[in-house]
Amino acid sequence: MANVYTAGSDRRLIIYSISRYIFLRTAYIDGIERPIMLVSDFLDGLSDVVLGDTIYYAYQNQNGDILVKNVMNNEALFRVKSSENPDMHCPQLVVNKDRLMLFYMVTNPLTDRLSLRAVYPLEEGDSLNIPVDCENVDMYEVFGMQGKAFLYVDSFYEITSDGKFIKCQDTDMLMQNEQKISEYENQLNTYMQENRQAIQTISQLEATIESVKAQYNELMETAIAYRDEAIKWRVTIKYEVCENIY
């Protein structure tokens, strides 16, 4: 999973996860920089959004905690401890009227019933009451569109600026836009995979070039040594011939 954000006319920021790492990479028209490692304890559920001039991201770490950070600061801005919520998953961020919201799912260990929770992670973790029954639902989606935030579980809900959830009546446009978002994400993931393969190929070619250069330099040194030795022999032979003449 990867997202690309525009930063100026010729710069793109790419945030993505590989194995237990989350990376940030800067791409230009004429090239791409080496990745910056943001975290090394990633387990699952990378979600990222732009708020103001900063990229915020949430993920679940190897200990099962859910953390919210931004790319400018490695310290956790907000944490949901797994010791308090032992079975958490699917963290997602969304921006609603310039407020950052974190959603995640929790399983009740006694009933196996799922519940969806939401908090404002930058506002002392203030929680919201979500009037949605998540029983027998193993997924959800939150997304921003046209300055608004929406939640999808069994239906689409608009999230108001004061944290209320209003069920949407006309959902055709929302479903079409959600489908487009999914298509764009698939295209982006394909691009990132191709890009990683291209970088690996470039690295292999660079190593091959360095090996060829080393072999070339070694052959040149050998050729120069042979040449110098040949010159030395020619001078010696010429000197001996001249002595015999005289």
C-alpha atoms as a PDB file:
ATOM      1  CA  MET A   1       0.000   0.000   0.000  1.00  0.00           C
ATOM      2  CA  ALA A   2       1.362   3.432  -0.937  1.00  0.00           C
ATOM      3  CA  ASN A   3       0.088   6.987  -1.243  1.00  0.00           C
ATOM      4  CA  VAL A   4       1.579   9.841  -3.247  1.00  0.00           C
ATOM      5  CA  TYR A   5       1.250  13.482  -2.217  1.00  0.00           C
ATOM      6  CA  THR A   6       2.072  16.535  -4.311  1.00  0.00           C
ATOM      7  CA  ALA A   7       4.615  18.921  -2.773  1.00  0.00           C
ATOM      8  CA  GLY A   8       5.238  21.769  -5.184  1.00  0.00           C
ATOM      9  CA  SER A   9       5.189  21.659  -8.958  1.00  0.00           C
ATOM     10  CA  ASP A  10       7.953  19.079  -9.402  1.00  0.00           C
ATOM     11  CA  ARG A  11       8.055  17.052  -6.193  1.00  0.00           C
ATOM     12  CA  ARG A  12       6.057  14.086  -4.932  1.00  0.00           C
ATOM     13  CA  LEU A  13       6.149  12.465  -1.498  1.00  0.00           C
ATOM     14  CA  ILE A  14       5.543   8.721  -1.343  1.00  0.00           C
ATOM     15  CA  ILE A  15       4.761   6.921   1.913  1.00  0.00           C
ATOM     16  CA  TYR A  16       4.614   3.138   1.891  1.00  0.00           C
ATOM     17  CA  SER A  17       5.261   0.011   3.965  1.00  0.00           C
ATOM     18  CA  ILE A  18       7.532  -2.974   3.294  1.00  0.00           C
ATOM     19  CA  SER A  19       7.801  -5.839   5.774  1.00  0.00           C
ATOM     20  CA  ARG A  20       8.117  -4.233   9.235  1.00  0.00           C
ATOM     21  CA  TYR A  21       9.158  -0.813   7.924  1.00  0.00           C
ATOM     22  CA  ILE A  22       7.419   2.385   6.818  1.00  0.00           C
ATOM     23  CA  PHE A  23       9.331   4.562   4.356  1.00  0.00           C
ATOM     24  CA  LEU A  24       9.025   8.093   3.008  1.00  0.00           C
ATOM     25  CA  ARG A  25      10.457   8.831  -0.417  1.00  0.00           C
ATOM     26  CA  THR A  26      10.746  12.000  -2.499  1.00  0.00           C
ATOM     27  CA  ALA A  27      10.340  11.767  -6.265  1.00  0.00           C
ATOM     28  CA  TYR A  28      11.199  14.422  -8.849  1.00  0.00           C
ATOM     29  CA  ILE A  29      10.594  14.622 -12.572  1.00  0.00           C
ATOM     30  CA  ASP A  30      14.153  13.500 -13.275  1.00  0.00           C
ATOM     31  CA  GLY A  31      14.672  10.994 -10.475  1.00  0.00           C
ATOM     32  CA  ILE A  32      13.845   9.660  -7.038  1.00  0.00           C
ATOM     33  CA  GLU A  33      15.725   9.984  -3.746  1.00  0.00           C
ATOM     34  CA  ARG A  34      16.702   7.179  -1.428  1.00  0.00           C
ATOM     35  CA  PRO A  35      13.948   6.210   1.049  1.00  0.00           C
ATOM     36  CA  ILE A  36      13.830   7.593   4.587  1.00  0.00           C
ATOM     37  CA  MET A  37      12.838   5.013   7.188  1.00  0.00           C
ATOM     38  CA  LEU A  38      10.081   6.367   9.439  1.00  0.00           C
ATOM     39  CA  VAL A  39       9.469   3.302  11.638  1.00  0.00           C
ATOM     40  CA  SER A  40      10.862  -0.215  12.032  1.00  0.00           C
ATOM     41  CA  ASP A  41       8.088  -1.759  14.139  1.00  0.00           C
ATOM     42  CA  PHE A  42       5.257  -1.816  11.592  1.00  0.00           C
ATOM     43  CA  LEU A  43       2.818  -4.729  11.783  1.00  0.00           C
ATOM     44  CA  ASP A  44      -0.305  -3.757   9.853  1.00  0.00           C
ATOM     45  CA  GLY A  45      -2.815  -1.088   8.904  1.00  0.00           C
ATOM     46  CA  LEU A  46      -0.864   1.862   7.470  1.00  0.00           C
ATOM     47  CA  SER A  47      -3.209   4.826   6.953  1.00  0.00           C
ATOM     48  CA  ASP A  48      -2.086   8.348   6.067  1.00  0.00           C
ATOM     49  CA  VAL A  49      -3.622  11.752   5.324  1.00  0.00           C
ATOM     50  CA  VAL A  50      -2.548  15.366   4.856  1.00  0.00           C
ATOM     51  CA  LEU A  51      -3.621  17.926   7.434  1.00  0.00           C
ATOM     52  CA  GLY A  52      -2.298  21.434   6.978  1.00  0.00           C
ATOM     53  CA  ASP A  53       1.222  21.072   5.619  1.00  0.00           C
ATOM     54  CA  THR A  54       2.014  17.758   7.323  1.00  0.00           C
ATOM     55  CA  ILE A  55       1.453  14.092   6.511  1.00  0.00           C
ATOM     56  CA  TYR A  56      -0.013  12.202   9.461  1.00  0.00           C
ATOM     57  CA  TYR A  57      -0.012   8.412   9.530  1.00  0.00           C
ATOM     58  CA  ALA A  58      -1.412   5.680  11.763  1.00  0.00           C
ATOM     59  CA  TYR A  59      -0.349   2.057  12.024  1.00  0.00           C
ATOM     60  CA  GLN A  60      -0.361  -0.941  14.333  1.00  0.00           C
ATOM     61  CA  ASN A  61       3.060  -1.837  15.700  1.00  0.00           C
ATOM     62  CA  GLN A  62       4.613  -5.175  16.567  1.00  0.00           C
ATOM     63  CA  ASN A  63       3.263  -4.936  20.124  1.00  0.00           C
ATOM     64  CA  GLY A  64      -0.293  -4.478  18.845  1.00  0.00           C
ATOM     65  CA  ASP A  65      -0.510  -0.781  19.817  1.00  0.00           C
ATOM     66  CA  ILE A  66      -2.067   1.699  17.402  1.00  0.00           C
ATOM     67  CA  LEU A  67       0.063   4.812  16.968  1.00  0.00           C
ATOM     68  CA  VAL A  68      -0.453   8.165  15.249  1.00  0.00           C
ATOM     69  CA  LYS A  69       2.611  10.081  14.078  1.00  0.00           C
ATOM     70  CA  ASN A  70       3.608  12.631  11.459  1.00  0.00           C
ATOM     71  CA  VAL A  71       6.550  12.548   9.072  1.00  0.00           C
ATOM     72  CA  MET A  72       8.260  15.478  10.826  1.00  0.00           C
ATOM     73  CA  ASN A  73       8.390  13.848  14.254  1.00  0.00           C
ATOM     74  CA  ASN A  74       9.206  10.253  15.137  1.00  0.00           C
ATOM     75  CA  GLU A  75       7.471  10.493  18.524  1.00  0.00           C
ATOM     76  CA  ALA A  76       3.958   9.061  18.835  1.00  0.00           C
ATOM     77  CA  LEU A  77       1.381  11.849  18.984  1.00  0.00           C
ATOM     78  CA  PHE A  78      -1.284   9.411  20.142  1.00  0.00           C
ATOM     79  CA  ARG A  79      -1.317   5.767  21.208  1.00  0.00           C
ATOM     80  CA  VAL A  80      -4.023   3.173  21.825  1.00  0.00           C
ATOM     81  CA  LYS A  81      -2.445   0.517  24.024  1.00  0.00           C
ATOM     82  CA  SER A  82      -3.046  -3.133  23.225  1.00  0.00           C
ATOM     83  CA  SER A  83      -2.947  -3.892  26.949  1.00  0.00           C
ATOM     84  CA  GLU A  84      -6.189  -1.946  27.289  1.00  0.00           C
ATOM     85  CA  ASN A  85      -7.712  -3.185  24.015  1.00  0.00           C
ATOM     86  CA  PRO A  86      -6.177  -6.607  23.323  1.00  0.00           C
ATOM     87  CA  ASP A  87      -7.818  -7.282  19.944  1.00  0.00           C
ATOM     88  CA  MET A  88      -7.606  -4.150  17.794  1.00  0.00           C
ATOM     89  CA  HIS A  89      -7.193  -3.848  14.041  1.00  0.00           C
ATOM     90  CA  CYS A  90      -7.817  -1.743  10.939  1.00  0.00           C
ATOM     91  CA  PRO A  91      -6.740   1.758  12.026  1.00  0.00           C
ATOM     92  CA  GLN A  92      -7.770   4.477   9.557  1.00  0.00           C
ATOM     93  CA  LEU A  93      -7.284   8.249   9.523  1.00  0.00           C
ATOM     94  CA  VAL A  94      -9.536  10.834   7.947  1.00  0.00           C
ATOM     95  CA  VAL A  95      -9.604  14.642   8.008  1.00  0.00           C
ATOM     96  CA  ASN A  96     -12.950  16.206   8.815  1.00  0.00           C
ATOM     97  CA  LYS A  97     -13.188  20.005   8.706  1.00  0.00           C
ATOM     98  CA  ASP A  98      -9.481  20.425   9.603  1.00  0.00           C
ATOM     99  CA  ARG A  99      -9.767  17.927  12.468  1.00  0.00           C
ATOM    100  CA  LEU A 100      -7.877  14.640  12.440  1.00  0.00           C
ATOM    101  CA  MET A 101      -9.947  11.552  13.236  1.00  0.00           C
ATOM    102  CA  LEU A 102      -8.724   8.027  14.003  1.00  0.00           C
ATOM    103  CA  PHE A 103     -11.009   5.007  13.548  1.00  0.00           C
ATOM    104  CA  TYR A 104     -10.235   1.438  14.578  1.00  0.00           C
ATOM    105  CA  MET A 105     -12.057  -1.805  15.306  1.00  0.00           C
ATOM    106  CA  VAL A 106     -12.079  -3.733  18.576  1.00  0.00           C
ATOM    107  CA  THR A 107     -13.238  -7.302  19.189  1.00  0.00           C
ATOM    108  CA  ASN A 108     -14.942  -8.153  22.460  1.00  0.00           C
ATOM    109  CA  PRO A 109     -13.030 -11.228  23.754  1.00  0.00           C
ATOM    110  CA  LEU A 110     -16.143 -12.630  25.468  1.00  0.00           C
ATOM    111  CA  THR A 111     -18.702 -12.257  22.693  1.00  0.00           C
ATOM    112  CA  ASP A 112     -16.436 -11.910  19.606  1.00  0.00           C
ATOM    113  CA  ARG A 113     -18.603  -8.959  18.704  1.00  0.00           C
ATOM    114  CA  LEU A 114     -16.933  -6.153  16.773  1.00  0.00           C
ATOM    115  CA  SER A 115     -17.236  -2.507  17.657  1.00  0.00           C
ATOM    116  CA  LEU A 116     -16.003   0.545  15.795  1.00  0.00           C
ATOM    117  CA  ARG A 117     -14.333   3.330  17.731  1.00  0.00           C
ATOM    118  CA  ALA A 118     -13.295   6.836  16.760  1.00  0.00           C
ATOM    119  CA  VAL A 119     -11.222   9.493  18.504  1.00  0.00           C
ATOM    120  CA  TYR A 120      -9.651  12.878  17.839  1.00  0.00           C
ATOM    121  CA  PRO A 121      -5.990  11.921  18.370  1.00  0.00           C
ATOM    122  CA  LEU A 122      -4.693  15.503  18.380  1.00  0.00           C
ATOM    123  CA  GLU A 123      -7.330  16.658  20.872  1.00  0.00           C
ATOM    124  CA  GLU A 124      -6.432  14.608  23.941  1.00  0.00           C
ATOM    125  CA  GLY A 125      -8.028  11.544  22.381  1.00  0.00           C
ATOM    126  CA  ASP A 126     -11.622  12.746  22.726  1.00  0.00           C
ATOM    127  CA  SER A 127     -13.852   9.861  21.654  1.00  0.00           C
ATOM    128  CA  LEU A 128     -17.021   9.847  19.542  1.00  0.00           C
ATOM    129  CA  ASN A 129     -20.192   7.880  19.889  1.00  0.00           C
ATOM    130  CA  ILE A 130     -20.723   5.894  16.680  1.00  0.00           C
ATOM    131  CA  PRO A 131     -24.352   4.752  16.273  1.00  0.00           C
ATOM    132  CA  VAL A 132     -23.401   1.865  13.992  1.00  0.00           C
ATOM    133  CA  ASP A 133     -23.892  -1.814  14.750  1.00  0.00           C
ATOM    134  CA  CYS A 134     -20.727  -3.601  13.590  1.00  0.00           C
ATOM    135  CA  GLU A 135     -21.729  -7.142  14.529  1.00  0.00           C
ATOM    136  CA  ASN A 136     -20.774  -9.638  11.815  1.00  0.00           C
ATOM    137  CA  VAL A 137     -19.026  -6.846   9.877  1.00  0.00           C
ATOM    138  CA  ASP A 138     -15.291  -7.351   9.431  1.00  0.00           C
ATOM    139  CA  MET A 139     -14.493  -4.202   7.477  1.00  0.00           C
ATOM    140  CA  TYR A 140     -15.250  -0.511   7.223  1.00  0.00           C
ATOM    141  CA  GLU A 141     -13.970   2.477   5.296  1.00  0.00           C
ATOM    142  CA  VAL A 142     -13.554   6.182   6.026  1.00  0.00           C
ATOM    143  CA  PHE A 143     -12.661   8.726   3.375  1.00  0.00           C
ATOM    144  CA  GLY A 144     -12.733  12.423   2.630  1.00  0.00           C
ATOM    145  CA  MET A 145     -14.438  13.935  -0.393  1.00  0.00           C
ATOM    146  CA  GLN A 146     -15.209  17.552  -1.339  1.00  0.00           C
ATOM    147  CA  GLY A 147     -14.227  18.833   2.091  1.00  0.00           C
ATOM    148  CA  LYS A 148     -16.382  16.309   3.941  1.00  0.00           C
ATOM    149  CA  ALA A 149     -15.693  13.013   5.711  1.00  0.00           C
ATOM    150  CA  PHE A 150     -17.680   9.810   5.256  1.00  0.00           C
ATOM    151  CA  LEU A 151     -17.927   6.433   6.946  1.00  0.00           C
ATOM    152  CA  TYR A 152     -19.035   3.232   5.252  1.00  0.00           C
ATOM    153  CA  VAL A 153     -20.030   0.132   7.225  1.00  0.00           C
ATOM    154  CA  ASP A 154     -23.400  -1.205   6.185  1.00  0.00           C
ATOM    155  CA  SER A 155     -24.351   2.141   4.602  1.00  0.00           C
ATOM    156  CA  PHE A 156     -22.733   5.499   3.963  1.00  0.00           C
ATOM    157  CA  TYR A 157     -22.705   8.060   6.778  1.00  0.00           C
ATOM    158  CA  GLU A 158     -21.623  11.668   6.574  1.00  0.00           C
ATOM    159  CA  ILE A 159     -19.541  12.761   9.561  1.00  0.00           C
ATOM    160  CA  THR A 160     -20.510  16.256  10.613  1.00  0.00           C
ATOM    161  CA  SER A 161     -18.071  18.832  11.975  1.00  0.00           C
ATOM    162  CA  ASP A 162     -19.327  18.194  15.517  1.00  0.00           C
ATOM    163  CA  GLY A 163     -18.824  14.432  15.259  1.00  0.00           C
ATOM    164  CA  LYS A 164     -22.320  13.237  14.431  1.00  0.00           C
ATOM    165  CA  PHE A 165     -23.057  10.489  11.886  1.00  0.00           C
ATOM    166  CA  ILE A 166     -25.868  11.151   9.412  1.00  0.00           C
ATOM    167  CA  LYS A 167     -26.964   8.337   7.118  1.00  0.00           C
ATOM    168  CA  CYS A 168     -26.683   9.316   3.454  1.00  0.00           C
ATOM    169  CA  GLN A 169     -29.762   8.889   1.265  1.00  0.00           C
ATOM    170  CA  ASP A 170     -28.206   9.204  -2.213  1.00  0.00           C
ATOM    171  CA  THR A 171     -25.186   6.880  -2.239  1.00  0.00           C
ATOM    172  CA  ASP A 172     -24.651   6.352  -5.981  1.00  0.00           C
ATOM    173  CA  MET A 173     -22.140   9.190  -6.293  1.00  0.00           C
ATOM    174  CA  LEU A 174     -20.316   8.052  -3.155  1.00  0.00           C
ATOM    175  CA  MET A 175     -19.994   4.492  -4.456  1.00  0.00           C
ATOM    176  CA  GLN A 176     -18.706   5.715  -7.824  1.00  0.00           C
ATOM    177  CA  ASN A 177     -16.083   7.891  -6.142  1.00  0.00           C
ATOM    178  CA  GLU A 178     -15.111   5.086  -3.785  1.00  0.00           C
ATOM    179  CA  GLN A 179     -14.645   2.797  -6.790  1.00  0.00           C
ATOM    180  CA  LYS A 180     -12.437   5.406  -8.471  1.00  0.00           C
ATOM    181  CA  ILE A 181     -10.361   5.733  -5.311  1.00  0.00           C
ATOM    182  CA  SER A 182      -9.891   1.962  -5.215  1.00  0.00           C
ATOM    183  CA  GLU A 183      -8.838   1.926  -8.878  1.00  0.00           C
ATOM    184  CA  TYR A 184      -6.322   4.727  -8.286  1.00  0.00           C
ATOM    185  CA  GLU A 185      -4.898   2.874  -5.276  1.00  0.00           C
ATOM    186  CA  ASN A 186      -4.489  -0.305  -7.351  1.00  0.00           C
ATOM    187  CA  GLN A 187      -2.733   1.659 -10.097  1.00  0.00           C
ATOM    188  CA  LEU A 188      -0.468   3.266  -7.533  1.00  0.00           C
ATOM    189  CA  ASN A 189       0.412  -0.062  -5.945  1.00  0.00           C
ATOM    190  CA  THR A 190       1.278  -1.427  -9.389  1.00  0.00           C
ATOM    191  CA  TYR A 191       3.476   1.609 -10.052  1.00  0.00           C
ATOM    192  CA  MET A 192       5.249   1.207  -6.705  1.00  0.00           C
ATOM    193  CA  GLN A 193       5.903  -2.476  -7.396  1.00  0.00           C
ATOM    194  CA  GLU A 194       7.327  -1.662 -10.819  1.00  0.00           C
ATOM    195  CA  ASN A 195       9.358   1.153  -9.309  1.00  0.00           C
ATOM    196  CA  ARG A 196      10.860  -1.142  -6.657  1.00  0.00           C
ATOM    197  CA  GLN A 197      11.737  -3.695  -9.335  1.00  0.00           C
ATOM    198  CA  ALA A 198      13.314  -0.958 -11.451  1.00  0.00           C
ATOM    199  CA  ILE A 199      15.371   0.273  -8.498  1.00  0.00           C
ATOM    200  CA  GLN A 200      16.542  -3.287  -7.811  1.00  0.00           C
ATOM    201  CA  THR A 201      17.524  -3.702 -11.477  1.00  0.00           C
ATOM    202  CA  ILE A 202      19.390  -0.375 -11.415  1.00  0.00           C
ATOM    203  CA  SER A 203      21.278  -1.474  -8.291  1.00  0.00           C
ATOM    204  CA  GLN A 204      22.256  -4.729  -9.972  1.00  0.00           C
ATOM    205  CA  LEU A 205      23.389  -2.871 -13.087  1.00  0.00           C
ATOM    206  CA  GLU A 206      25.404  -0.420 -10.990  1.00  0.00           C
ATOM    207  CA  ALA A 207      27.141  -3.345  -9.279  1.00  0.00           C
ATOM    208  CA  THR A 208      27.856  -4.933 -12.680  1.00  0.00           C
ATOM    209  CA  ILE A 209      29.243  -1.644 -14.008  1.00  0.00           C
ATOM    210  CA  GLU A 210      31.530  -1.287 -10.987  1.00  0.00           C
ATOM    211  CA  SER A 211      32.760  -4.865 -11.496  1.00  0.00           C
ATOM    212  CA  VAL A 212      33.427  -4.222 -15.188  1.00  0.00           C
ATOM    213  CA  LYS A 213      35.258  -0.980 -14.330  1.00  0.00           C
ATOM    214  CA  ALA A 214      37.465  -2.833 -11.844  1.00  0.00           C
ATOM    215  CA  GLN A 215      38.279  -5.526 -14.434  1.00  0.00           C
ATOM    216  CA  TYR A 216      38.975  -2.838 -17.051  1.00  0.00           C
ATOM    217  CA  ASN A 217      41.313  -0.952 -14.715  1.00  0.00           C
ATOM    218  CA  GLU A 218      43.127  -4.182 -13.868  1.00  0.00           C
ATOM    219  CA  LEU A 219      43.564  -5.030 -17.549  1.00  0.00           C
ATOM    220  CA  MET A 220      44.781  -1.504 -18.268  1.00  0.00           C
ATOM    221  CA  GLU A 221      47.373  -1.749 -15.504  1.00  0.00           C
ATOM    222  CA  THR A 222      48.534  -5.099 -16.922  1.00  0.00           C
ATOM    223  CA  ALA A 223      48.667  -3.681 -20.464  1.00  0.00           C
ATOM    224  CA  ILE A 224      50.676  -0.660 -19.281  1.00  0.00           C
ATOM    225  CA  ALA A 225      53.092  -2.959 -17.454  1.00  0.00           C
ATOM    226  CA  TYR A 226      53.527  -5.067 -20.638  1.00  0.00           C
ATOM    227  CA  ARG A 227      54.066  -1.927 -22.693  1.00  0.00           C
ATOM    228  CA  ASP A 228      56.689  -0.569 -20.317  1.00  0.00           C
ATOM    229  CA  GLU A 229      58.432  -3.945 -20.314  1.00  0.00           C
ATOM    230  CA  ALA A 230      58.335  -4.064 -24.118  1.00  0.00           C
ATOM    231  CA  ILE A 231      59.826  -0.583 -24.355  1.00  0.00           C
ATOM    232  CA  LYS A 232      62.539  -1.607 -21.933  1.00  0.00           C
ATOM    233  CA  TRP A 233      63.371  -4.679 -24.056  1.00  0.00           C
ATOM    234  CA  ARG A 234      63.421  -2.666 -27.279  1.00  0.00           C
ATOM    235  CA  VAL A 235      65.849  -0.178 -25.765  1.00  0.00           C
ATOM    236  CA  THR A 236      68.061  -2.988 -24.466  1.00  0.00           C
ATOM    237  CA  ILE A 237      68.096  -4.823 -27.815  1.00  0.00           C
ATOM    238  CA  LYS A 238      68.794  -1.607 -29.742  1.00  0.00           C
ATOM    239  CA  TYR A 239      71.690  -0.816 -27.421  1.00  0.00           C
ATOM    240  CA  GLU A 240      73.174  -4.299 -27.851  1.00  0.00           C
ATOM    241  CA  VAL A 241      72.865  -4.092 -31.654  1.00  0.00           C
ATOM    242  CA  CYS A 242      74.654  -0.754 -31.707  1.00  0.00           C
ATOM    243  CA  GLU A 243      77.502  -2.143 -29.602  1.00  0.00           C
ATOM    244  CA  ASN A 244      77.957  -5.078 -31.977  1.00  0.00           C
ATOM    245  CA  ILE A 245      78.098  -2.719 -34.970  1.00  0.00           C
ATOM    246  CA  TYR A 246      80.772  -0.622 -33.411  1.00  0.00           C
END
